[in-house]
């Protein structure tokens, strides 16, 4: 089973730069974000300039995107994210270096909106006040 998972991951990464229909989607790995830029945005409290969603989340771009390609524009493609979850003090609680998310299969509308709006190369910080946690999402690319 492990060999199948590794093979799928290799195929998925190899397909990150293939065109979608007639439209090519620019993707690929992001360069590591400079920690100074990431750490300038506080973990808690939520900054006053963070955007608020209708679902109760607050979000702010920590690292600007490389281009405007977003999963919402390609909902049937697999979005490859790096996801890091922190507690309110900034301590890492969970890290997923490569999470594959199919946007049109998400059942949580609040997270579907957030995942769909992150552009390739962007790192978006998301505050979940009800859970007292902060999540950094980095969109690494899109694949079939």
N, C-alpha and C. Protein backbone atom coordinates (compact mmCIF):
# COMPACT_ATOMS: atom_id res chain seq x y z
N UNK A 1 0.83 -1.20 0.00
CA UNK A 1 0.00 0.00 0.00
C UNK A 1 0.87 1.26 0.00
N UNK A 2 1.97 1.23 0.76
CA UNK A 2 2.85 2.39 0.83
C UNK A 2 3.44 2.71 -0.54
N UNK A 3 3.79 1.67 -1.30
CA UNK A 3 4.37 1.88 -2.62
C UNK A 3 3.36 2.56 -3.55
N UNK A 4 2.08 2.19 -3.41
CA UNK A 4 1.03 2.79 -4.24
C UNK A 4 0.88 4.26 -3.89
N UNK A 5 0.90 4.59 -2.59
CA UNK A 5 0.78 5.99 -2.16
C UNK A 5 1.94 6.83 -2.67
N UNK A 6 3.15 6.29 -2.57
CA UNK A 6 4.33 7.02 -3.05
C UNK A 6 4.25 7.19 -4.56
N UNK A 7 3.83 6.15 -5.28
CA UNK A 7 3.70 6.25 -6.74
C UNK A 7 2.66 7.29 -7.12
N UNK A 8 1.52 7.33 -6.39
CA UNK A 8 0.48 8.32 -6.67
C UNK A 8 1.03 9.73 -6.46
N UNK A 9 1.76 9.92 -5.38
CA UNK A 9 2.32 11.23 -5.07
C UNK A 9 3.30 11.67 -6.16
N UNK A 10 4.14 10.77 -6.63
CA UNK A 10 5.10 11.10 -7.69
C UNK A 10 4.37 11.47 -8.96
N UNK A 11 3.33 10.71 -9.32
CA UNK A 11 2.54 11.01 -10.52
C UNK A 11 1.82 12.34 -10.36
N UNK A 12 1.26 12.59 -9.17
CA UNK A 12 0.55 13.85 -8.93
C UNK A 12 1.47 15.04 -9.07
N UNK A 13 2.67 14.95 -8.51
CA UNK A 13 3.62 16.05 -8.62
C UNK A 13 4.10 16.24 -10.05
N UNK A 14 4.28 15.16 -10.77
CA UNK A 14 4.72 15.25 -12.17
C UNK A 14 3.66 15.93 -13.03
N UNK A 15 2.39 15.79 -12.66
CA UNK A 15 1.30 16.37 -13.44
C UNK A 15 1.00 17.81 -13.06
N UNK A 16 1.67 18.36 -12.09
CA UNK A 16 1.37 19.72 -11.63
C UNK A 16 1.53 20.76 -12.72
N UNK A 17 2.34 20.54 -13.71
CA UNK A 17 2.55 21.57 -14.72
C UNK A 17 1.88 21.25 -16.05
N UNK A 18 1.01 20.25 -16.09
CA UNK A 18 0.33 19.90 -17.33
C UNK A 18 -0.85 20.82 -17.56
N UNK A 19 -1.22 21.08 -18.84
CA UNK A 19 -2.34 21.98 -19.12
C UNK A 19 -3.68 21.38 -18.72
N UNK A 20 -4.62 22.27 -18.41
CA UNK A 20 -5.99 21.89 -18.10
C UNK A 20 -6.82 22.23 -19.32
N UNK A 21 -7.27 21.22 -20.05
CA UNK A 21 -8.01 21.48 -21.28
C UNK A 21 -7.18 22.30 -22.22
N UNK A 22 -7.71 23.43 -22.65
CA UNK A 22 -6.97 24.32 -23.54
C UNK A 22 -6.18 25.37 -22.76
N UNK A 23 -6.45 25.45 -21.46
CA UNK A 23 -5.84 26.50 -20.66
C UNK A 23 -4.74 25.90 -19.78
N UNK A 24 -3.55 26.41 -19.88
CA UNK A 24 -2.45 25.91 -19.05
C UNK A 24 -2.52 26.56 -17.68
N UNK A 25 -2.29 25.78 -16.66
CA UNK A 25 -2.27 26.28 -15.29
C UNK A 25 -0.83 26.28 -14.82
N UNK A 26 -0.32 27.43 -14.45
CA UNK A 26 1.05 27.52 -13.97
C UNK A 26 1.08 27.07 -12.52
N UNK A 27 1.90 26.06 -12.23
CA UNK A 27 1.97 25.53 -10.88
C UNK A 27 3.41 25.21 -10.54
N UNK A 28 3.62 24.47 -9.51
CA UNK A 28 4.95 24.03 -9.11
C UNK A 28 5.17 24.27 -7.65
N UNK A 29 6.33 23.89 -7.18
CA UNK A 29 6.65 24.04 -5.78
C UNK A 29 6.95 25.51 -5.46
N UNK A 30 6.58 25.90 -4.26
CA UNK A 30 6.90 27.26 -3.83
C UNK A 30 8.27 27.26 -3.17
N UNK A 31 8.93 28.36 -3.28
CA UNK A 31 10.20 28.50 -2.56
C UNK A 31 9.86 28.69 -1.09
N UNK A 32 10.70 28.24 -0.19
CA UNK A 32 10.42 28.44 1.23
C UNK A 32 10.24 29.92 1.55
N UNK A 33 9.20 30.21 2.31
CA UNK A 33 8.92 31.60 2.65
C UNK A 33 9.90 32.08 3.71
N UNK A 34 10.38 33.31 3.57
CA UNK A 34 11.26 33.84 4.60
C UNK A 34 10.51 33.94 5.92
N UNK A 35 11.08 33.40 6.99
CA UNK A 35 10.39 33.39 8.27
C UNK A 35 10.08 34.79 8.77
N UNK A 36 10.91 35.74 8.48
CA UNK A 36 10.66 37.11 8.95
C UNK A 36 9.34 37.63 8.40
N UNK A 37 9.04 37.35 7.14
CA UNK A 37 7.78 37.81 6.54
C UNK A 37 6.59 37.10 7.17
N UNK A 38 6.72 35.82 7.42
CA UNK A 38 5.64 35.05 8.01
C UNK A 38 5.40 35.49 9.45
N UNK A 39 6.46 35.72 10.19
CA UNK A 39 6.34 36.05 11.60
C UNK A 39 5.88 37.48 11.87
N UNK A 40 5.88 38.34 10.84
CA UNK A 40 5.39 39.71 11.03
C UNK A 40 3.90 39.74 11.31
N UNK A 41 3.17 38.72 10.84
CA UNK A 41 1.74 38.66 11.08
C UNK A 41 1.53 37.88 12.38
N UNK A 42 0.93 38.50 13.40
CA UNK A 42 0.81 37.84 14.69
C UNK A 42 -0.13 36.63 14.66
N UNK A 43 0.11 35.71 15.60
CA UNK A 43 -0.77 34.56 15.71
C UNK A 43 -2.06 34.94 16.44
N UNK A 44 -1.91 35.73 17.51
CA UNK A 44 -3.07 36.12 18.28
C UNK A 44 -2.77 37.43 18.95
N UNK A 45 -3.64 38.38 19.04
CA UNK A 45 -5.01 38.37 18.55
C UNK A 45 -5.06 38.55 17.03
N UNK A 46 -6.24 38.40 16.48
CA UNK A 46 -6.43 38.58 15.04
C UNK A 46 -6.14 40.03 14.69
N UNK A 47 -5.28 40.27 13.67
CA UNK A 47 -4.99 41.66 13.28
C UNK A 47 -6.25 42.38 12.80
N UNK A 48 -6.30 43.67 13.05
CA UNK A 48 -7.49 44.45 12.67
C UNK A 48 -7.68 44.53 11.16
N UNK A 49 -6.60 44.37 10.37
CA UNK A 49 -6.73 44.45 8.91
C UNK A 49 -6.99 43.09 8.25
N UNK A 50 -7.23 42.04 9.05
CA UNK A 50 -7.56 40.73 8.48
C UNK A 50 -8.96 40.77 7.90
N UNK A 51 -9.15 40.11 6.76
CA UNK A 51 -10.47 40.03 6.13
C UNK A 51 -11.33 39.04 6.91
N UNK A 52 -12.59 39.36 7.06
CA UNK A 52 -13.54 38.48 7.77
C UNK A 52 -14.44 37.78 6.75
N UNK A 53 -14.69 36.50 6.99
CA UNK A 53 -15.58 35.75 6.09
C UNK A 53 -16.96 35.64 6.72
N UNK A 54 -17.94 35.30 5.91
CA UNK A 54 -19.30 35.16 6.43
C UNK A 54 -19.45 33.93 7.33
N UNK A 55 -18.42 33.08 7.35
CA UNK A 55 -18.45 31.87 8.17
C UNK A 55 -17.71 32.03 9.50
N UNK A 56 -17.26 33.24 9.82
CA UNK A 56 -16.62 33.49 11.09
C UNK A 56 -15.10 33.38 11.12
N UNK A 57 -14.50 33.11 9.98
CA UNK A 57 -13.04 33.04 9.90
C UNK A 57 -12.48 34.44 9.65
N UNK A 58 -11.23 34.63 10.02
CA UNK A 58 -10.49 35.84 9.64
C UNK A 58 -9.29 35.35 8.83
N UNK A 59 -8.95 36.05 7.73
CA UNK A 59 -7.82 35.62 6.89
C UNK A 59 -6.96 36.81 6.51
N UNK A 60 -5.70 36.51 6.27
CA UNK A 60 -4.76 37.55 5.82
C UNK A 60 -3.66 36.87 5.02
N UNK A 61 -3.30 37.48 3.88
CA UNK A 61 -2.20 36.97 3.07
C UNK A 61 -0.88 37.29 3.76
N UNK A 62 -0.07 36.25 3.99
CA UNK A 62 1.21 36.41 4.66
C UNK A 62 2.33 36.50 3.61
N UNK A 63 2.24 35.68 2.58
CA UNK A 63 3.18 35.69 1.45
C UNK A 63 2.35 35.86 0.18
N UNK A 64 2.69 36.83 -0.65
CA UNK A 64 1.93 37.11 -1.87
C UNK A 64 2.02 35.96 -2.87
N UNK A 65 0.95 35.78 -3.66
CA UNK A 65 0.96 34.70 -4.66
C UNK A 65 1.92 34.97 -5.80
N UNK A 66 2.34 33.88 -6.47
CA UNK A 66 3.19 33.99 -7.66
C UNK A 66 2.36 34.31 -8.89
N UNK A 67 1.11 33.88 -8.91
CA UNK A 67 0.22 34.18 -10.04
C UNK A 67 -1.21 34.16 -9.53
N UNK A 68 -2.17 34.28 -10.42
CA UNK A 68 -3.58 34.39 -10.01
C UNK A 68 -4.35 33.08 -10.11
N UNK A 69 -3.69 31.96 -10.36
CA UNK A 69 -4.38 30.68 -10.48
C UNK A 69 -4.89 30.24 -9.11
N UNK A 70 -6.22 30.01 -9.04
CA UNK A 70 -6.87 29.64 -7.79
C UNK A 70 -7.67 28.35 -7.97
N UNK A 71 -7.77 27.52 -6.94
CA UNK A 71 -8.56 26.29 -7.03
C UNK A 71 -10.02 26.55 -7.39
N UNK A 72 -10.59 27.68 -6.97
CA UNK A 72 -11.99 27.96 -7.29
C UNK A 72 -12.22 28.02 -8.80
N UNK A 73 -11.18 28.39 -9.55
CA UNK A 73 -11.30 28.45 -11.01
C UNK A 73 -11.20 27.07 -11.65
N UNK A 74 -10.75 26.07 -10.90
CA UNK A 74 -10.54 24.70 -11.38
C UNK A 74 -11.01 23.71 -10.32
N UNK A 75 -12.33 23.70 -9.97
CA UNK A 75 -12.81 22.92 -8.83
C UNK A 75 -12.65 21.40 -8.97
N UNK A 76 -12.46 20.90 -10.18
CA UNK A 76 -12.31 19.44 -10.35
C UNK A 76 -10.85 18.99 -10.33
N UNK A 77 -9.96 19.94 -10.13
CA UNK A 77 -8.54 19.60 -10.02
C UNK A 77 -8.19 19.44 -8.54
N UNK A 78 -7.16 18.67 -8.29
CA UNK A 78 -6.66 18.47 -6.94
C UNK A 78 -5.76 19.65 -6.58
N UNK A 79 -6.06 20.30 -5.47
CA UNK A 79 -5.22 21.39 -4.98
C UNK A 79 -4.23 20.80 -3.97
N UNK A 80 -2.96 21.13 -4.14
CA UNK A 80 -1.90 20.61 -3.26
C UNK A 80 -1.47 21.75 -2.33
N UNK A 81 -1.74 21.57 -1.04
CA UNK A 81 -1.46 22.57 -0.03
C UNK A 81 -0.43 22.08 0.97
N UNK A 82 0.33 23.02 1.51
CA UNK A 82 1.05 22.79 2.76
C UNK A 82 0.18 23.43 3.83
N UNK A 83 -0.14 22.68 4.88
CA UNK A 83 -1.02 23.18 5.93
C UNK A 83 -0.31 23.05 7.27
N UNK A 84 -0.20 24.18 7.97
CA UNK A 84 0.43 24.18 9.30
C UNK A 84 -0.59 24.78 10.27
N UNK A 85 -0.87 24.04 11.34
CA UNK A 85 -1.82 24.48 12.35
C UNK A 85 -1.06 24.84 13.63
N UNK A 86 -1.41 25.99 14.20
CA UNK A 86 -0.76 26.51 15.41
C UNK A 86 -1.80 26.69 16.51
N UNK A 87 -1.35 26.65 17.76
CA UNK A 87 -2.23 27.07 18.84
C UNK A 87 -2.15 28.59 18.96
N UNK A 88 -2.86 29.17 19.92
CA UNK A 88 -2.90 30.63 20.02
C UNK A 88 -1.56 31.26 20.41
N UNK A 89 -0.60 30.46 20.85
CA UNK A 89 0.72 31.00 21.21
C UNK A 89 1.71 30.94 20.05
N UNK A 90 1.34 30.25 18.96
CA UNK A 90 2.23 30.12 17.82
C UNK A 90 2.96 28.79 17.78
N UNK A 91 2.66 27.90 18.72
CA UNK A 91 3.28 26.58 18.74
C UNK A 91 2.61 25.69 17.68
N UNK A 92 3.45 24.99 16.87
CA UNK A 92 2.91 24.11 15.83
C UNK A 92 2.22 22.92 16.49
N UNK A 93 0.95 22.73 16.11
CA UNK A 93 0.15 21.63 16.62
C UNK A 93 0.15 20.48 15.60
N UNK A 94 0.10 20.83 14.32
CA UNK A 94 0.07 19.83 13.25
C UNK A 94 0.67 20.44 11.99
N UNK A 95 1.40 19.62 11.22
CA UNK A 95 1.96 20.09 9.96
C UNK A 95 1.73 19.01 8.90
N UNK A 96 1.10 19.42 7.80
CA UNK A 96 0.88 18.55 6.66
C UNK A 96 1.65 19.16 5.49
N UNK A 97 2.82 18.60 5.15
CA UNK A 97 3.63 19.21 4.10
C UNK A 97 3.02 19.09 2.70
N UNK A 98 2.10 18.15 2.51
CA UNK A 98 1.49 18.00 1.20
C UNK A 98 0.09 17.41 1.34
N UNK A 99 -0.90 18.26 1.52
CA UNK A 99 -2.30 17.83 1.62
C UNK A 99 -2.98 18.05 0.28
N UNK A 100 -3.61 17.01 -0.23
CA UNK A 100 -4.30 17.11 -1.53
C UNK A 100 -5.79 17.25 -1.26
N UNK A 101 -6.37 18.34 -1.78
CA UNK A 101 -7.77 18.65 -1.51
C UNK A 101 -8.50 18.83 -2.83
N UNK A 102 -9.62 18.12 -2.97
CA UNK A 102 -10.48 18.25 -4.13
C UNK A 102 -11.61 19.19 -3.73
N UNK A 103 -11.58 20.41 -4.23
CA UNK A 103 -12.47 21.47 -3.77
C UNK A 103 -13.95 21.10 -3.88
N UNK A 104 -14.36 20.48 -4.99
CA UNK A 104 -15.79 20.21 -5.14
C UNK A 104 -16.27 19.04 -4.29
N UNK A 105 -15.39 18.44 -3.49
CA UNK A 105 -15.78 17.36 -2.57
C UNK A 105 -15.82 17.83 -1.11
N UNK A 106 -15.43 19.06 -0.85
CA UNK A 106 -15.46 19.58 0.52
C UNK A 106 -16.90 19.84 0.96
N UNK A 107 -17.23 19.43 2.17
CA UNK A 107 -18.59 19.64 2.67
C UNK A 107 -18.71 20.87 3.56
N UNK A 108 -17.61 21.39 4.04
CA UNK A 108 -17.62 22.59 4.88
C UNK A 108 -17.48 23.81 3.98
N UNK A 109 -18.56 24.55 3.84
CA UNK A 109 -18.59 25.70 2.91
C UNK A 109 -17.58 26.78 3.30
N UNK A 110 -17.36 26.99 4.60
CA UNK A 110 -16.41 28.01 5.04
C UNK A 110 -15.00 27.69 4.59
N UNK A 111 -14.58 26.43 4.79
CA UNK A 111 -13.24 26.03 4.36
C UNK A 111 -13.15 25.95 2.84
N UNK A 112 -14.22 25.54 2.18
CA UNK A 112 -14.21 25.47 0.71
C UNK A 112 -13.95 26.86 0.13
N UNK A 113 -14.58 27.89 0.69
CA UNK A 113 -14.34 29.26 0.22
C UNK A 113 -12.88 29.68 0.42
N UNK A 114 -12.34 29.36 1.59
CA UNK A 114 -10.96 29.75 1.89
C UNK A 114 -9.98 29.01 0.99
N UNK A 115 -10.10 27.68 0.91
CA UNK A 115 -9.20 26.90 0.05
C UNK A 115 -9.29 27.36 -1.39
N UNK A 116 -10.49 27.65 -1.86
CA UNK A 116 -10.69 28.05 -3.25
C UNK A 116 -10.12 29.40 -3.60
N UNK A 117 -9.93 30.25 -2.60
CA UNK A 117 -9.49 31.62 -2.85
C UNK A 117 -7.97 31.82 -2.75
N UNK A 118 -7.23 30.82 -2.27
CA UNK A 118 -5.78 30.94 -2.14
C UNK A 118 -5.14 30.73 -3.52
N UNK A 119 -4.26 31.62 -3.92
CA UNK A 119 -3.60 31.52 -5.24
C UNK A 119 -2.29 30.74 -5.12
N UNK A 120 -1.81 30.25 -6.25
CA UNK A 120 -0.57 29.47 -6.28
C UNK A 120 0.59 30.29 -5.71
N UNK A 121 1.29 29.73 -4.74
CA UNK A 121 2.42 30.39 -4.11
C UNK A 121 2.05 31.26 -2.93
N UNK A 122 0.78 31.50 -2.73
CA UNK A 122 0.33 32.35 -1.62
C UNK A 122 0.31 31.58 -0.31
N UNK A 123 0.70 32.24 0.75
CA UNK A 123 0.50 31.70 2.09
C UNK A 123 -0.55 32.57 2.76
N UNK A 124 -1.64 31.94 3.14
CA UNK A 124 -2.76 32.64 3.78
C UNK A 124 -2.89 32.16 5.21
N UNK A 125 -2.94 33.10 6.13
CA UNK A 125 -3.15 32.77 7.55
C UNK A 125 -4.64 32.85 7.84
N UNK A 126 -5.16 31.83 8.52
CA UNK A 126 -6.59 31.74 8.82
C UNK A 126 -6.75 31.59 10.34
N UNK A 127 -7.57 32.46 10.93
CA UNK A 127 -7.85 32.38 12.36
C UNK A 127 -9.20 31.73 12.56
N UNK A 128 -9.25 30.75 13.46
CA UNK A 128 -10.49 30.09 13.84
C UNK A 128 -10.79 30.44 15.29
N UNK A 129 -11.45 31.56 15.53
CA UNK A 129 -11.66 32.01 16.91
C UNK A 129 -12.40 30.99 17.77
N UNK A 130 -13.33 30.24 17.20
CA UNK A 130 -14.08 29.27 17.99
C UNK A 130 -13.22 28.11 18.47
N UNK A 131 -12.11 27.84 17.76
CA UNK A 131 -11.21 26.75 18.15
C UNK A 131 -9.90 27.27 18.74
N UNK A 132 -9.73 28.59 18.77
CA UNK A 132 -8.52 29.21 19.31
C UNK A 132 -7.25 28.72 18.60
N UNK A 133 -7.36 28.50 17.28
CA UNK A 133 -6.22 28.03 16.49
C UNK A 133 -6.02 28.93 15.27
N UNK A 134 -4.81 28.83 14.72
CA UNK A 134 -4.42 29.56 13.52
C UNK A 134 -3.89 28.54 12.52
N UNK A 135 -4.25 28.71 11.25
CA UNK A 135 -3.81 27.79 10.20
C UNK A 135 -3.13 28.59 9.10
N UNK A 136 -1.95 28.16 8.67
CA UNK A 136 -1.29 28.73 7.50
C UNK A 136 -1.49 27.77 6.34
N UNK A 137 -2.05 28.28 5.25
CA UNK A 137 -2.26 27.50 4.03
C UNK A 137 -1.33 28.03 2.96
N UNK A 138 -0.57 27.18 2.30
CA UNK A 138 0.25 27.56 1.17
C UNK A 138 -0.14 26.67 0.00
N UNK A 139 -0.63 27.28 -1.07
CA UNK A 139 -1.00 26.50 -2.25
C UNK A 139 0.24 26.22 -3.07
N UNK A 140 0.63 24.94 -3.14
CA UNK A 140 1.82 24.54 -3.88
C UNK A 140 1.53 24.38 -5.37
N UNK A 141 0.30 24.00 -5.72
CA UNK A 141 -0.04 23.82 -7.13
C UNK A 141 -1.35 23.09 -7.29
N UNK A 142 -1.73 22.87 -8.54
CA UNK A 142 -2.93 22.13 -8.91
C UNK A 142 -2.54 20.98 -9.80
N UNK A 143 -3.25 19.87 -9.66
CA UNK A 143 -2.97 18.69 -10.48
C UNK A 143 -4.27 17.99 -10.83
N UNK A 144 -4.22 17.16 -11.86
CA UNK A 144 -5.42 16.41 -12.26
C UNK A 144 -5.64 15.25 -11.35
